[in-house]
Amino acid sequence: MPKTPATPPTSGAAAPASYEAAMQELEALVASLEGGQLPLDRLIVSYQRGSELLAYCQTKLQQVEQQIKVLDDGLLKPWNPNP
């Protein structure tokens, strides 16, 4: 049985190609929302898309965290940028 995305898009927009693409689109959406110049219909669609992108990013980060736990024998170790 094929896997379905954890957060299927509800607005009909395609799933992002990557975490980075999702973040870039999310940042653009936030900027347009903060601009205050969107008509109400577009505002609602943008908010929904932003919610989808946020859920996508959170899912990706959780997946990476799980991979790190596996690599570290089940323990999530604190990150130290200067080992």
N, C-alpha and C. Protein backbone atom coordinates (compact mmCIF):
# COMPACT_ATOMS: atom_id res chain seq x y z
N MET A 1 0.84 -1.17 0.00
CA MET A 1 0.00 0.00 0.00
C MET A 1 0.89 1.24 0.00
N PRO A 2 0.66 2.21 -0.91
CA PRO A 2 1.52 3.39 -0.97
C PRO A 2 1.31 4.30 0.23
N LYS A 3 2.39 4.96 0.62
CA LYS A 3 2.31 5.89 1.74
C LYS A 3 1.65 7.17 1.28
N THR A 4 0.84 7.75 2.15
CA THR A 4 0.24 9.04 1.86
C THR A 4 0.97 10.09 2.66
N PRO A 5 1.02 11.32 2.18
CA PRO A 5 1.71 12.37 2.92
C PRO A 5 1.06 12.58 4.28
N ALA A 6 1.86 12.94 5.27
CA ALA A 6 1.36 13.16 6.62
C ALA A 6 0.39 14.33 6.67
N THR A 7 0.60 15.33 5.83
CA THR A 7 -0.27 16.49 5.79
C THR A 7 -0.62 16.80 4.35
N PRO A 8 -1.67 16.14 3.83
CA PRO A 8 -2.02 16.39 2.44
C PRO A 8 -2.51 17.82 2.25
N PRO A 9 -2.13 18.46 1.16
CA PRO A 9 -2.58 19.82 0.93
C PRO A 9 -4.09 19.88 0.79
N THR A 10 -4.73 20.81 1.48
CA THR A 10 -6.18 20.94 1.40
C THR A 10 -6.58 22.01 0.41
N SER A 11 -5.68 22.88 0.04
CA SER A 11 -6.02 23.97 -0.88
C SER A 11 -5.77 23.60 -2.34
N GLY A 12 -5.36 22.37 -2.60
CA GLY A 12 -5.10 21.95 -3.96
C GLY A 12 -3.69 22.26 -4.43
N ALA A 13 -2.89 22.90 -3.59
CA ALA A 13 -1.51 23.23 -3.95
C ALA A 13 -0.64 21.98 -3.80
N ALA A 14 0.39 21.94 -4.62
CA ALA A 14 1.29 20.79 -4.59
C ALA A 14 2.13 20.80 -3.31
N ALA A 15 2.54 19.60 -2.91
CA ALA A 15 3.43 19.48 -1.75
C ALA A 15 4.77 20.09 -2.12
N PRO A 16 5.45 20.70 -1.16
CA PRO A 16 6.75 21.30 -1.44
C PRO A 16 7.77 20.24 -1.86
N ALA A 17 8.74 20.66 -2.65
CA ALA A 17 9.78 19.75 -3.13
C ALA A 17 10.74 19.36 -2.01
N SER A 18 10.91 20.25 -1.03
CA SER A 18 11.85 19.99 0.05
C SER A 18 11.49 20.87 1.24
N TYR A 19 12.17 20.61 2.35
CA TYR A 19 12.00 21.43 3.55
C TYR A 19 12.38 22.87 3.25
N GLU A 20 13.48 23.05 2.54
CA GLU A 20 13.96 24.39 2.22
C GLU A 20 12.97 25.14 1.34
N ALA A 21 12.38 24.44 0.36
CA ALA A 21 11.38 25.06 -0.50
C ALA A 21 10.14 25.45 0.29
N ALA A 22 9.75 24.59 1.23
CA ALA A 22 8.59 24.90 2.08
C ALA A 22 8.86 26.12 2.94
N MET A 23 10.06 26.21 3.51
CA MET A 23 10.40 27.36 4.34
C MET A 23 10.42 28.65 3.51
N GLN A 24 10.95 28.57 2.31
CA GLN A 24 11.00 29.75 1.44
C GLN A 24 9.59 30.22 1.10
N GLU A 25 8.72 29.28 0.75
CA GLU A 25 7.33 29.64 0.43
C GLU A 25 6.62 30.19 1.66
N LEU A 26 6.87 29.57 2.81
CA LEU A 26 6.25 30.03 4.05
C LEU A 26 6.69 31.46 4.39
N GLU A 27 7.97 31.74 4.23
CA GLU A 27 8.47 33.09 4.49
C GLU A 27 7.82 34.11 3.56
N ALA A 28 7.64 33.75 2.29
CA ALA A 28 6.99 34.65 1.35
C ALA A 28 5.52 34.88 1.73
N LEU A 29 4.86 33.81 2.16
CA LEU A 29 3.46 33.94 2.59
C LEU A 29 3.34 34.85 3.81
N VAL A 30 4.21 34.67 4.77
CA VAL A 30 4.18 35.50 5.98
C VAL A 30 4.39 36.96 5.61
N ALA A 31 5.33 37.22 4.72
CA ALA A 31 5.58 38.60 4.31
C ALA A 31 4.35 39.21 3.65
N SER A 32 3.66 38.44 2.80
CA SER A 32 2.47 38.98 2.14
C SER A 32 1.32 39.15 3.14
N LEU A 33 1.22 38.25 4.11
CA LEU A 33 0.18 38.38 5.13
C LEU A 33 0.44 39.60 6.01
N GLU A 34 1.70 39.81 6.35
CA GLU A 34 2.04 40.95 7.20
C GLU A 34 1.89 42.27 6.46
N GLY A 35 1.94 42.24 5.13
CA GLY A 35 1.78 43.45 4.34
C GLY A 35 0.40 44.07 4.48
N GLY A 36 -0.58 43.25 4.80
CA GLY A 36 -1.94 43.75 5.02
C GLY A 36 -2.66 44.20 3.77
N GLN A 37 -2.18 43.84 2.60
CA GLN A 37 -2.79 44.31 1.36
C GLN A 37 -3.58 43.23 0.61
N LEU A 38 -3.72 42.03 1.20
CA LEU A 38 -4.41 40.94 0.52
C LEU A 38 -5.92 41.06 0.72
N PRO A 39 -6.68 40.76 -0.33
CA PRO A 39 -8.13 40.69 -0.15
C PRO A 39 -8.48 39.50 0.75
N LEU A 40 -9.64 39.54 1.36
CA LEU A 40 -10.04 38.55 2.35
C LEU A 40 -9.95 37.12 1.81
N ASP A 41 -10.44 36.87 0.61
CA ASP A 41 -10.40 35.52 0.05
C ASP A 41 -8.97 35.01 -0.08
N ARG A 42 -8.09 35.85 -0.57
CA ARG A 42 -6.68 35.48 -0.73
C ARG A 42 -6.00 35.31 0.62
N LEU A 43 -6.42 36.11 1.58
CA LEU A 43 -5.88 36.02 2.94
C LEU A 43 -6.17 34.64 3.54
N ILE A 44 -7.38 34.18 3.36
CA ILE A 44 -7.78 32.87 3.91
C ILE A 44 -7.01 31.75 3.22
N VAL A 45 -6.90 31.81 1.90
CA VAL A 45 -6.16 30.78 1.15
C VAL A 45 -4.69 30.78 1.57
N SER A 46 -4.13 31.97 1.72
CA SER A 46 -2.72 32.07 2.13
C SER A 46 -2.52 31.51 3.53
N TYR A 47 -3.44 31.79 4.43
CA TYR A 47 -3.34 31.27 5.79
C TYR A 47 -3.41 29.74 5.79
N GLN A 48 -4.33 29.18 5.00
CA GLN A 48 -4.45 27.72 4.91
C GLN A 48 -3.16 27.11 4.36
N ARG A 49 -2.62 27.71 3.33
CA ARG A 49 -1.38 27.19 2.73
C ARG A 49 -0.24 27.29 3.74
N GLY A 50 -0.18 28.39 4.47
CA GLY A 50 0.84 28.54 5.51
C GLY A 50 0.73 27.45 6.56
N SER A 51 -0.49 27.12 6.94
CA SER A 51 -0.70 26.04 7.92
C SER A 51 -0.22 24.71 7.38
N GLU A 52 -0.47 24.46 6.10
CA GLU A 52 -0.01 23.22 5.46
C GLU A 52 1.51 23.15 5.44
N LEU A 53 2.12 24.27 5.07
CA LEU A 53 3.59 24.31 4.99
C LEU A 53 4.21 24.14 6.37
N LEU A 54 3.62 24.76 7.38
CA LEU A 54 4.12 24.62 8.73
C LEU A 54 4.04 23.16 9.19
N ALA A 55 2.91 22.51 8.92
CA ALA A 55 2.76 21.10 9.30
C ALA A 55 3.78 20.23 8.55
N TYR A 56 4.02 20.53 7.28
CA TYR A 56 5.00 19.79 6.48
C TYR A 56 6.38 19.92 7.11
N CYS A 57 6.76 21.16 7.45
CA CYS A 57 8.08 21.40 8.04
C CYS A 57 8.23 20.71 9.39
N GLN A 58 7.19 20.76 10.20
CA GLN A 58 7.23 20.09 11.50
C GLN A 58 7.39 18.59 11.34
N THR A 59 6.69 18.02 10.37
CA THR A 59 6.79 16.58 10.11
C THR A 59 8.19 16.21 9.67
N LYS A 60 8.76 17.00 8.77
CA LYS A 60 10.12 16.74 8.30
C LYS A 60 11.12 16.81 9.45
N LEU A 61 10.99 17.81 10.31
CA LEU A 61 11.90 17.94 11.45
C LEU A 61 11.76 16.76 12.41
N GLN A 62 10.54 16.29 12.63
CA GLN A 62 10.34 15.13 13.49
C GLN A 62 10.96 13.88 12.88
N GLN A 63 10.87 13.75 11.56
CA GLN A 63 11.48 12.60 10.89
C GLN A 63 13.00 12.63 11.05
N VAL A 64 13.59 13.79 10.90
CA VAL A 64 15.04 13.92 11.06
C VAL A 64 15.43 13.61 12.51
N GLU A 65 14.64 14.10 13.45
CA GLU A 65 14.93 13.82 14.86
C GLU A 65 14.90 12.32 15.13
N GLN A 66 13.95 11.61 14.54
CA GLN A 66 13.88 10.16 14.71
C GLN A 66 15.10 9.48 14.10
N GLN A 67 15.55 9.96 12.96
CA GLN A 67 16.74 9.39 12.33
C GLN A 67 17.96 9.61 13.22
N ILE A 68 18.05 10.76 13.82
CA ILE A 68 19.18 11.06 14.71
C ILE A 68 19.15 10.15 15.93
N LYS A 69 17.95 9.91 16.47
CA LYS A 69 17.84 9.01 17.62
C LYS A 69 18.32 7.61 17.26
N VAL A 70 17.98 7.16 16.06
CA VAL A 70 18.43 5.83 15.62
C VAL A 70 19.94 5.81 15.51
N LEU A 71 20.51 6.86 14.93
CA LEU A 71 21.96 6.92 14.77
C LEU A 71 22.69 7.01 16.10
N ASP A 72 22.05 7.58 17.10
CA ASP A 72 22.66 7.74 18.43
C ASP A 72 22.15 6.70 19.42
N ASP A 73 21.79 5.52 18.94
CA ASP A 73 21.34 4.40 19.77
C ASP A 73 20.15 4.77 20.65
N GLY A 74 19.18 5.48 20.09
CA GLY A 74 17.95 5.77 20.80
C GLY A 74 18.01 6.96 21.74
N LEU A 75 19.13 7.61 21.84
CA LEU A 75 19.25 8.76 22.73
C LEU A 75 19.41 10.03 21.91
N LEU A 76 18.60 11.03 22.22
CA LEU A 76 18.76 12.32 21.57
C LEU A 76 19.76 13.12 22.37
N LYS A 77 20.93 13.32 21.80
CA LYS A 77 22.01 13.99 22.50
C LYS A 77 21.99 15.48 22.20
N PRO A 78 22.41 16.31 23.14
CA PRO A 78 22.45 17.75 22.87
C PRO A 78 23.46 18.06 21.78
N TRP A 79 23.13 19.02 20.96
CA TRP A 79 24.00 19.41 19.87
C TRP A 79 25.04 20.37 20.38
N ASN A 80 26.29 20.09 20.04
CA ASN A 80 27.39 20.94 20.44
C ASN A 80 28.11 21.40 19.17
N PRO A 81 27.99 22.68 18.80
CA PRO A 81 28.59 23.12 17.54
C PRO A 81 30.11 23.13 17.57
N ASN A 82 30.72 23.10 18.76
CA ASN A 82 32.18 23.09 18.89
C ASN A 82 32.63 21.87 19.66
N PRO A 83 32.69 20.72 18.98
CA PRO A 83 33.04 19.49 19.72
C PRO A 83 34.45 19.49 20.28
